[in-house]
Protein backbone atom coordinates (compact mmCIF):
# COMPACT_ATOMS: atom_id res chain seq x y z
CA MET A 1 -31.30 -13.53 120.22
CA ALA A 2 -32.90 -13.88 116.86
CA LYS A 3 -36.58 -14.37 116.88
CA PHE A 4 -37.59 -17.75 115.53
CA LEU A 5 -39.68 -17.43 112.40
CA PRO A 6 -41.42 -20.59 111.38
CA THR A 7 -41.02 -21.51 107.75
CA PHE A 8 -43.53 -23.31 105.59
CA PRO A 9 -42.87 -25.32 102.50
CA PRO A 10 -43.87 -23.51 99.29
CA ALA A 11 -47.23 -24.32 97.88
CA PRO A 12 -46.33 -25.32 94.35
CA TYR A 13 -49.82 -26.50 93.64
CA LEU A 14 -51.07 -22.93 94.02
CA ILE A 15 -48.27 -21.26 92.11
CA ASP A 16 -48.15 -23.89 89.37
CA THR A 17 -51.91 -23.95 88.86
CA GLY A 18 -52.05 -20.19 88.43
CA THR A 19 -49.07 -20.24 86.11
CA VAL A 20 -50.55 -23.04 84.03
CA ARG A 21 -53.87 -21.23 83.76
CA LEU A 22 -52.17 -18.00 82.71
CA ARG A 23 -50.10 -19.82 80.13
CA TRP A 24 -53.18 -21.66 78.88
CA ILE A 25 -55.16 -18.42 78.53
CA ALA A 26 -52.24 -16.69 76.80
CA THR A 27 -51.84 -19.63 74.40
CA LEU A 28 -55.56 -19.58 73.64
CA ILE A 29 -55.57 -15.84 72.92
CA ILE A 30 -52.50 -16.14 70.68
CA SER A 31 -54.07 -19.06 68.82
CA LEU A 32 -57.30 -17.17 68.24
CA LEU A 33 -55.44 -14.09 67.02
CA SER A 34 -53.33 -16.25 64.70
CA LEU A 35 -56.45 -17.96 63.38
CA LEU A 36 -58.22 -14.66 62.73
CA GLY A 37 -55.10 -13.22 61.13
CA GLY A 38 -54.71 -16.26 58.92
CA CYS A 39 -58.35 -16.08 57.83
CA ALA A 40 -57.98 -12.40 57.00
CA ASN A 41 -54.79 -12.95 55.01
CA ASN A 42 -56.03 -16.01 53.09
CA GLN A 43 -59.62 -14.95 52.50
CA TYR A 44 -59.11 -14.10 48.81
CA ARG A 45 -55.84 -15.87 48.15
CA ASP A 46 -57.15 -18.61 45.87
CA LEU A 47 -59.87 -16.75 43.99
CA SER A 48 -57.67 -16.41 40.90
CA SER A 49 -57.01 -20.17 40.72
CA GLN A 50 -58.80 -22.39 38.23
CA ASN A 51 -60.23 -25.87 38.62
CA ASN A 52 -61.08 -27.75 35.44
CA ASP A 53 -63.25 -30.43 37.04
CA PRO A 54 -66.25 -31.10 34.74
CA PHE A 55 -69.71 -29.79 35.59
CA TYR A 56 -72.95 -31.78 35.72
CA GLN A 57 -71.71 -34.93 37.42
CA GLU A 58 -73.96 -37.23 39.44
CA ASP A 59 -74.76 -35.76 42.85
CA LYS A 60 -73.47 -37.87 45.72
CA ASP A 61 -75.59 -38.35 48.83
CA LYS A 62 -78.47 -36.72 46.97
CA GLY A 63 -81.46 -35.94 49.16
CA TYR A 64 -79.79 -37.06 52.38
CA CYS A 65 -77.38 -34.20 53.09
CA GLY A 66 -78.17 -32.65 56.46
CA GLN A 67 -80.51 -35.39 57.62
CA LYS A 68 -79.92 -36.86 61.03
CA LYS A 69 -78.56 -40.38 61.05
CA LEU A 70 -78.97 -42.83 63.91
CA LEU A 71 -75.67 -41.74 65.46
CA ASP A 72 -76.76 -38.08 65.34
CA ARG A 73 -80.04 -38.89 67.07
CA ILE A 74 -78.28 -40.86 69.80
CA TYR A 75 -75.69 -38.13 70.30
CA GLN A 76 -78.33 -35.39 70.48
CA LEU A 77 -80.89 -37.50 72.40
CA ASP A 78 -83.40 -36.86 69.60
CA PRO A 79 -85.74 -39.80 68.89
CA GLY A 80 -87.60 -37.74 66.29
CA GLN A 81 -91.24 -38.01 65.22
CA ARG A 82 -91.35 -38.94 61.56
CA LEU A 83 -94.27 -39.55 59.22
CA LEU A 84 -94.43 -40.50 55.54
CA LYS A 85 -97.47 -41.75 53.65
CA CYS A 86 -97.58 -41.92 49.85
CA SER A 87 -100.51 -42.95 47.70
CA PRO A 88 -99.91 -45.35 44.78
CA SER A 89 -100.76 -42.51 42.37
CA PHE A 90 -97.63 -40.64 43.46
CA TYR A 91 -95.41 -43.35 41.98
CA ILE A 92 -97.52 -43.77 38.83
CA ASP A 93 -98.43 -40.19 37.95
CA PRO A 94 -96.70 -37.69 40.28
CA PRO A 95 -97.89 -34.05 40.24
CA LYS A 96 -95.68 -31.81 38.14
CA LYS A 97 -96.56 -28.33 39.39
CA LEU A 98 -97.21 -27.57 43.06
CA ALA A 99 -98.37 -24.55 45.04
CA ILE A 100 -97.16 -24.22 48.65
CA LEU A 101 -100.08 -22.71 50.56
CA PRO A 102 -99.66 -20.62 53.72
CA PHE A 103 -98.80 -22.74 56.76
CA GLU A 104 -101.05 -22.84 59.82
CA ASN A 105 -99.26 -22.20 63.11
CA LEU A 106 -100.55 -24.51 65.86
CA GLU A 107 -98.14 -22.97 68.39
CA GLY A 108 -99.44 -19.42 68.04
CA GLY A 109 -97.49 -16.18 68.17
CA ASP A 110 -95.63 -16.83 71.43
CA LEU A 111 -92.20 -18.40 71.38
CA LYS A 112 -92.68 -20.79 74.27
CA LEU A 113 -89.98 -21.24 76.92
CA ASN A 114 -90.56 -24.24 79.19
CA GLY A 115 -94.24 -24.16 78.26
CA GLY A 116 -94.78 -20.44 78.87
CA ALA A 117 -94.39 -17.33 76.73
CA LEU A 118 -90.81 -16.10 76.44
CA ALA A 119 -91.99 -12.47 76.17
CA GLU A 120 -95.22 -10.60 76.76
CA ARG A 121 -96.95 -9.70 73.49
CA SER A 122 -100.20 -8.02 72.62
CA GLU A 123 -102.85 -9.82 70.57
CA GLU A 124 -101.83 -7.94 67.44
CA GLU A 125 -98.18 -8.83 68.01
CA LYS A 126 -99.11 -12.47 68.54
CA LYS A 127 -100.93 -12.55 65.20
CA ALA A 128 -97.95 -10.99 63.45
CA TRP A 129 -95.45 -13.36 65.08
CA SER A 130 -97.66 -16.39 64.42
CA TRP A 131 -97.56 -15.53 60.71
CA THR A 132 -93.82 -14.82 60.93
CA TYR A 133 -92.98 -18.23 62.40
CA SER A 134 -95.27 -20.17 60.05
CA ASN A 135 -94.16 -18.27 56.95
CA ARG A 136 -90.54 -18.82 57.96
CA LEU A 137 -91.03 -22.61 57.80
CA ARG A 138 -93.05 -22.23 54.62
CA ARG A 139 -90.18 -20.38 52.92
CA TYR A 140 -87.64 -22.98 54.09
CA PHE A 141 -89.91 -25.78 52.86
CA PHE A 142 -90.33 -24.02 49.51
CA ALA A 143 -86.57 -23.46 49.16
CA HIS A 144 -85.67 -27.10 49.71
CA LEU A 145 -88.53 -28.43 47.57
CA SER A 146 -87.51 -26.10 44.72
CA LEU A 147 -84.30 -28.12 44.38
CA ARG A 148 -86.33 -31.24 43.62
CA GLU A 149 -87.90 -32.42 40.37
CA PHE A 150 -91.18 -30.54 40.93
CA GLU A 151 -92.12 -27.20 39.42
CA LEU A 152 -93.28 -24.74 42.08
CA LEU A 153 -95.54 -21.72 41.78
CA GLY A 154 -93.86 -18.74 43.42
CA LEU A 155 -94.98 -17.80 46.92
CA LEU A 156 -95.80 -14.23 45.90
CA GLU A 157 -97.96 -15.46 43.01
CA THR A 158 -99.71 -17.96 45.28
CA ASP A 159 -100.45 -15.35 47.94
CA ALA A 160 -101.70 -12.83 45.37
CA VAL A 161 -104.27 -15.33 44.04
CA LEU A 162 -105.39 -16.38 47.54
CA GLN A 163 -105.84 -12.77 48.65
CA GLU A 164 -107.86 -12.04 45.51
CA LEU A 165 -110.07 -15.03 46.40
CA GLY A 166 -110.53 -13.66 49.92
CA ILE A 167 -108.70 -16.55 51.59
CA THR A 168 -107.03 -14.84 54.54
CA CYS A 169 -107.03 -17.46 57.31
CA PRO A 170 -106.73 -21.26 57.76
CA GLU A 171 -110.50 -21.69 58.22
CA LYS A 172 -111.24 -20.17 54.80
CA LEU A 173 -108.35 -22.08 53.23
CA TYR A 174 -109.65 -25.47 54.41
CA LYS A 175 -113.19 -24.70 53.26
CA ALA A 176 -112.06 -23.96 49.71
CA ASP A 177 -112.37 -26.83 47.23
CA PRO A 178 -108.88 -28.03 46.16
CA LYS A 179 -110.12 -28.50 42.60
CA GLU A 180 -111.26 -24.88 42.38
CA LEU A 181 -108.04 -23.65 43.97
CA GLY A 182 -106.07 -25.73 41.49
CA LYS A 183 -107.85 -24.05 38.58
CA ALA A 184 -107.25 -20.59 40.01
CA LEU A 185 -103.57 -21.26 40.69
CA GLY A 186 -102.93 -23.39 37.59
CA VAL A 187 -101.23 -26.25 39.47
CA ASP A 188 -101.53 -30.02 39.71
CA ALA A 189 -101.39 -30.23 43.50
CA LEU A 190 -101.60 -28.11 46.64
CA VAL A 191 -99.37 -28.45 49.70
CA TYR A 192 -101.05 -27.65 53.02
CA GLY A 193 -98.67 -27.15 55.93
CA LYS A 194 -98.77 -26.86 59.71
CA VAL A 195 -96.20 -25.74 62.25
CA THR A 196 -96.65 -28.39 64.94
CA HIS A 197 -93.79 -27.44 67.27
CA TYR A 198 -91.94 -24.18 67.82
CA ARG A 199 -90.54 -23.89 71.33
CA VAL A 200 -87.42 -23.93 73.48
CA HIS A 201 -86.53 -25.43 76.85
CA TYR A 202 -83.89 -24.17 79.24
CA TYR A 203 -82.59 -25.89 82.37
CA LEU A 204 -79.29 -24.11 83.11
CA ILE A 205 -76.75 -26.48 81.52
CA VAL A 206 -79.36 -28.20 79.32
CA THR A 207 -81.23 -26.53 76.44
CA GLN A 208 -83.52 -27.91 73.79
CA VAL A 209 -84.88 -26.35 70.60
CA VAL A 210 -87.94 -28.13 69.22
CA VAL A 211 -89.33 -27.39 65.75
CA GLY A 212 -91.88 -29.55 63.94
CA VAL A 213 -93.60 -29.31 60.56
CA TYR A 214 -96.35 -31.28 58.80
CA ALA A 215 -97.19 -31.13 55.08
CA ARG A 216 -99.97 -32.74 53.04
CA CYS A 217 -100.02 -32.73 49.25
CA VAL A 218 -103.49 -32.84 47.68
CA SER A 219 -104.25 -33.45 44.01
CA THR A 220 -106.23 -30.69 42.32
CA HIS A 221 -107.66 -33.18 39.82
CA ASP A 222 -109.56 -35.48 42.19
CA GLY A 223 -108.93 -34.02 45.67
CA SER A 224 -107.07 -37.10 46.90
CA THR A 225 -104.06 -36.99 49.21
CA VAL A 226 -100.86 -37.62 47.25
CA PHE A 227 -98.50 -37.75 50.24
CA GLU A 228 -98.22 -36.77 53.89
CA VAL A 229 -94.90 -36.05 55.55
CA ALA A 230 -93.91 -34.72 58.96
CA GLU A 231 -90.84 -34.30 61.14
CA VAL A 232 -90.04 -32.99 64.62
CA ARG A 233 -86.46 -31.94 65.25
CA ARG A 234 -85.03 -31.65 68.76
CA ASP A 235 -81.64 -30.04 69.07
CA ASN A 236 -80.33 -30.69 72.58
CA ASN A 237 -77.34 -28.90 74.01
CA ILE A 238 -75.82 -30.29 77.20
CA ARG A 239 -72.86 -28.58 78.89
CA VAL A 240 -70.58 -30.70 81.02
CA ALA A 241 -69.85 -28.96 84.33
CA THR A 242 -67.39 -30.35 86.88
CA ASN A 243 -67.10 -27.23 89.04
CA PRO A 244 -69.11 -24.08 89.83
CA ILE A 245 -67.25 -21.97 87.26
CA ASP A 246 -68.04 -24.43 84.45
CA PHE A 247 -71.64 -24.58 85.64
CA VAL A 248 -72.04 -20.80 85.41
CA ALA A 249 -70.21 -20.59 82.08
CA GLY A 250 -72.31 -23.42 80.62
CA SER A 251 -75.53 -21.78 81.78
CA ILE A 252 -74.57 -18.51 80.09
CA GLN A 253 -73.61 -20.30 76.87
CA ASN A 254 -76.97 -22.08 76.85
CA ILE A 255 -78.80 -18.76 77.23
CA ILE A 256 -77.01 -17.56 74.09
CA ALA A 257 -78.04 -20.80 72.32
CA LEU A 258 -81.71 -19.85 72.82
CA ARG A 259 -81.44 -16.85 70.50
CA ASP A 260 -83.77 -16.70 67.51
CA LEU A 261 -80.82 -17.45 65.22
CA TYR A 262 -80.58 -21.01 66.55
CA VAL A 263 -84.33 -21.56 66.42
CA ALA A 264 -84.37 -20.41 62.78
CA LYS A 265 -81.51 -22.79 62.03
CA ALA A 266 -83.49 -25.70 63.49
CA ALA A 267 -86.52 -24.62 61.41
CA ASP A 268 -84.45 -24.71 58.23
CA GLU A 269 -82.99 -28.11 59.10
CA VAL A 270 -86.35 -29.71 59.88
CA CYS A 271 -87.71 -28.54 56.51
CA ARG A 272 -84.66 -29.98 54.76
CA GLU A 273 -85.25 -33.31 56.47
CA VAL A 274 -88.96 -33.43 55.73
CA VAL A 275 -88.42 -32.60 52.04
CA GLY A 276 -85.63 -35.16 51.81
CA ARG A 277 -88.06 -37.81 53.02
CA ILE A 278 -90.39 -37.32 50.04
CA PRO A 279 -89.56 -40.07 47.48
CA VAL A 280 -87.79 -38.95 44.33
CA SER A 281 -89.71 -39.39 41.08
CA ARG A 282 -87.06 -40.40 38.55
CA SER A 283 -89.50 -40.28 35.64
CA LEU A 284 -90.53 -36.72 36.50
CA GLU A 285 -86.89 -35.75 36.99
CA GLU A 286 -85.91 -37.05 33.54
CA GLU A 287 -88.99 -35.55 31.90
CA ARG A 288 -88.28 -32.10 33.29
CA LYS A 289 -84.59 -32.30 32.42
CA ASN A 290 -85.31 -33.34 28.82
CA ARG A 291 -87.99 -30.67 28.43
CA TRP A 292 -85.59 -27.89 29.34
CA LYS A 293 -82.89 -29.34 27.11
CA THR A 294 -85.32 -29.35 24.19
CA LEU A 295 -86.40 -25.77 24.90
CA ALA A 296 -82.77 -24.65 25.09
CA ALA A 297 -81.93 -26.41 21.81
CA SER A 298 -84.83 -24.70 20.01
CA ASN A 299 -84.13 -21.21 21.37
CA GLN A 300 -82.68 -19.03 18.61
CA SER A 301 -81.00 -16.61 21.03
CA ILE A 302 -79.19 -19.49 22.72
CA GLN A 303 -78.09 -20.88 19.36
CA GLY A 304 -76.74 -17.46 18.38
CA VAL A 305 -74.68 -17.22 21.58
CA LYS A 306 -73.59 -20.81 21.07
CA ALA A 307 -72.23 -19.98 17.63
CA ARG A 308 -70.33 -16.95 18.94
CA LEU A 309 -68.83 -19.05 21.75
CA GLY A 310 -67.58 -21.57 19.23
CA THR A 311 -69.65 -24.39 20.73
CA ALA A 312 -72.00 -24.82 17.77
CA ASP A 313 -72.95 -28.31 16.70
CA ASN A 314 -70.53 -28.36 13.80
CA ALA A 315 -67.69 -27.71 16.23
CA THR A 316 -68.52 -30.12 19.01
CA SER A 317 -71.07 -32.67 17.82
CA PRO A 318 -69.64 -36.15 17.18
CA LYS A 319 -69.16 -37.28 13.62
CA THR A 320 -70.76 -40.41 12.19
CA HIS A 321 -69.37 -43.08 9.89
CA LYS A 322 -71.25 -45.57 7.76
CA VAL A 323 -69.41 -48.88 7.89
CA LYS A 324 -68.12 -50.24 4.57
CA GLN A 325 -66.80 -53.66 3.73
CA GLY A 326 -63.33 -54.13 5.21
CA ASP A 327 -63.67 -51.46 7.92
CA THR A 328 -62.26 -52.23 11.34
CA LEU A 329 -62.08 -50.24 14.57
CA CYS A 330 -58.32 -49.82 14.21
CA LYS A 331 -58.69 -48.62 10.64
CA LEU A 332 -61.33 -46.07 11.64
CA ALA A 333 -59.18 -44.88 14.56
CA ARG A 334 -56.27 -44.26 12.18
CA GLN A 335 -58.62 -42.51 9.73
CA TYR A 336 -60.22 -40.10 12.23
CA TYR A 337 -57.59 -39.82 14.98
CA ASN A 338 -54.42 -40.72 13.11
CA ASP A 339 -53.87 -43.19 15.94
CA GLY A 340 -54.91 -46.83 15.65
CA SER A 341 -54.67 -47.36 19.41
CA ARG A 342 -57.74 -45.16 19.93
CA TRP A 343 -60.09 -47.83 18.61
CA LYS A 344 -61.42 -48.18 22.19
CA THR A 345 -62.85 -44.64 22.00
CA ILE A 346 -65.04 -45.63 19.06
CA PHE A 347 -65.92 -48.98 20.63
CA GLU A 348 -67.06 -47.43 23.96
CA ALA A 349 -69.23 -44.89 22.13
CA ASN A 350 -70.96 -47.65 20.14
CA ARG A 351 -70.84 -50.55 22.60
CA GLU A 352 -74.53 -51.41 22.24
CA GLY A 353 -74.33 -51.50 18.44
CA ILE A 354 -71.12 -53.53 18.21
CA PRO A 355 -71.73 -57.08 19.49
CA ASN A 356 -68.30 -58.17 18.25
CA ARG A 357 -65.50 -55.63 18.28
CA ASP A 358 -63.51 -57.66 15.76
CA ARG A 359 -66.25 -57.61 13.16
CA LEU A 360 -68.22 -54.56 12.01
CA VAL A 361 -71.46 -54.93 10.09
CA PRO A 362 -71.43 -53.12 6.74
CA GLY A 363 -74.15 -50.47 6.52
CA GLN A 364 -74.35 -49.71 10.24
CA THR A 365 -73.69 -46.14 11.42
CA LEU A 366 -71.08 -45.52 14.10
CA VAL A 367 -70.59 -42.43 16.24
CA ILE A 368 -67.07 -41.00 16.08
CA PRO A 369 -66.50 -38.92 19.25
CA GLN A 370 -64.35 -35.79 19.01
């Protein structure tokens, strides 16, 4: 008699789940390999192409790129701590040349994790790391401010002068008279900076990088404060975990997010935001732009290269025409372009001097664009 063997229904939920996971992992690996292969194959594919879009157009979103908007702050749970104070003199007579002085580090040489030191360091190491962190933010601040309308004294030149003066710590720096420092450095204003926050927090699936900077610009002519600006940036990273595996994976990913690379990124971003908050001086921007244009136009070496490139004034500068009795825009378009329909080109170039396009005033001079 055959022994009865009980049978059980298959467990498709076990077999299917494993199969689905294997397929999902295989698909992910194939996708990543395809992506990497595509990047490798297309890395230099378009370098020989040419785009004839014109240079020197108006910058869009100027000064606001990279700054956190309200949506970003809500998404990252970052209320921010912002400060901006400008004296009336900044808008009337802004400083042209600035020197970025060494930043003071209020956090010290320990990278703090949840309020304590992340690693044990000797006193000498703490001093070195304190300078490293503060000078890191100083360089980022300098880099972003150098893109603005101000002229900046190089950091190496600034430090060489301060060392020659014996200014080797914040206490000596604050005791020095800004007017005397201004004479020694040859600048219109000094920027004093402080690192107010430089720390990280880690709570398994939640991490936070906090970096803050404060800057005060002081006039070297009268010692008054031109502007004060500050920002604290909090980059929060929250991993969603619905099971133990996700919890462990999220915790490991957050440990990686505490690396110095991510802290340095936050330091760069906070400096970009704090510089972007400083009001733009349009008058200073135009003055500096025109000064360099004038210097370029009077440079004989530049004019020699210009002639060899075929971009000399006689090749590209617009012609002029002195209006005679009976001249019309259509007539001038036929004369210079051999096309009467191009009268609009002449009209647009002389719009302010032509109140009535149907009647030109004899004796006036018109620009004839090429």
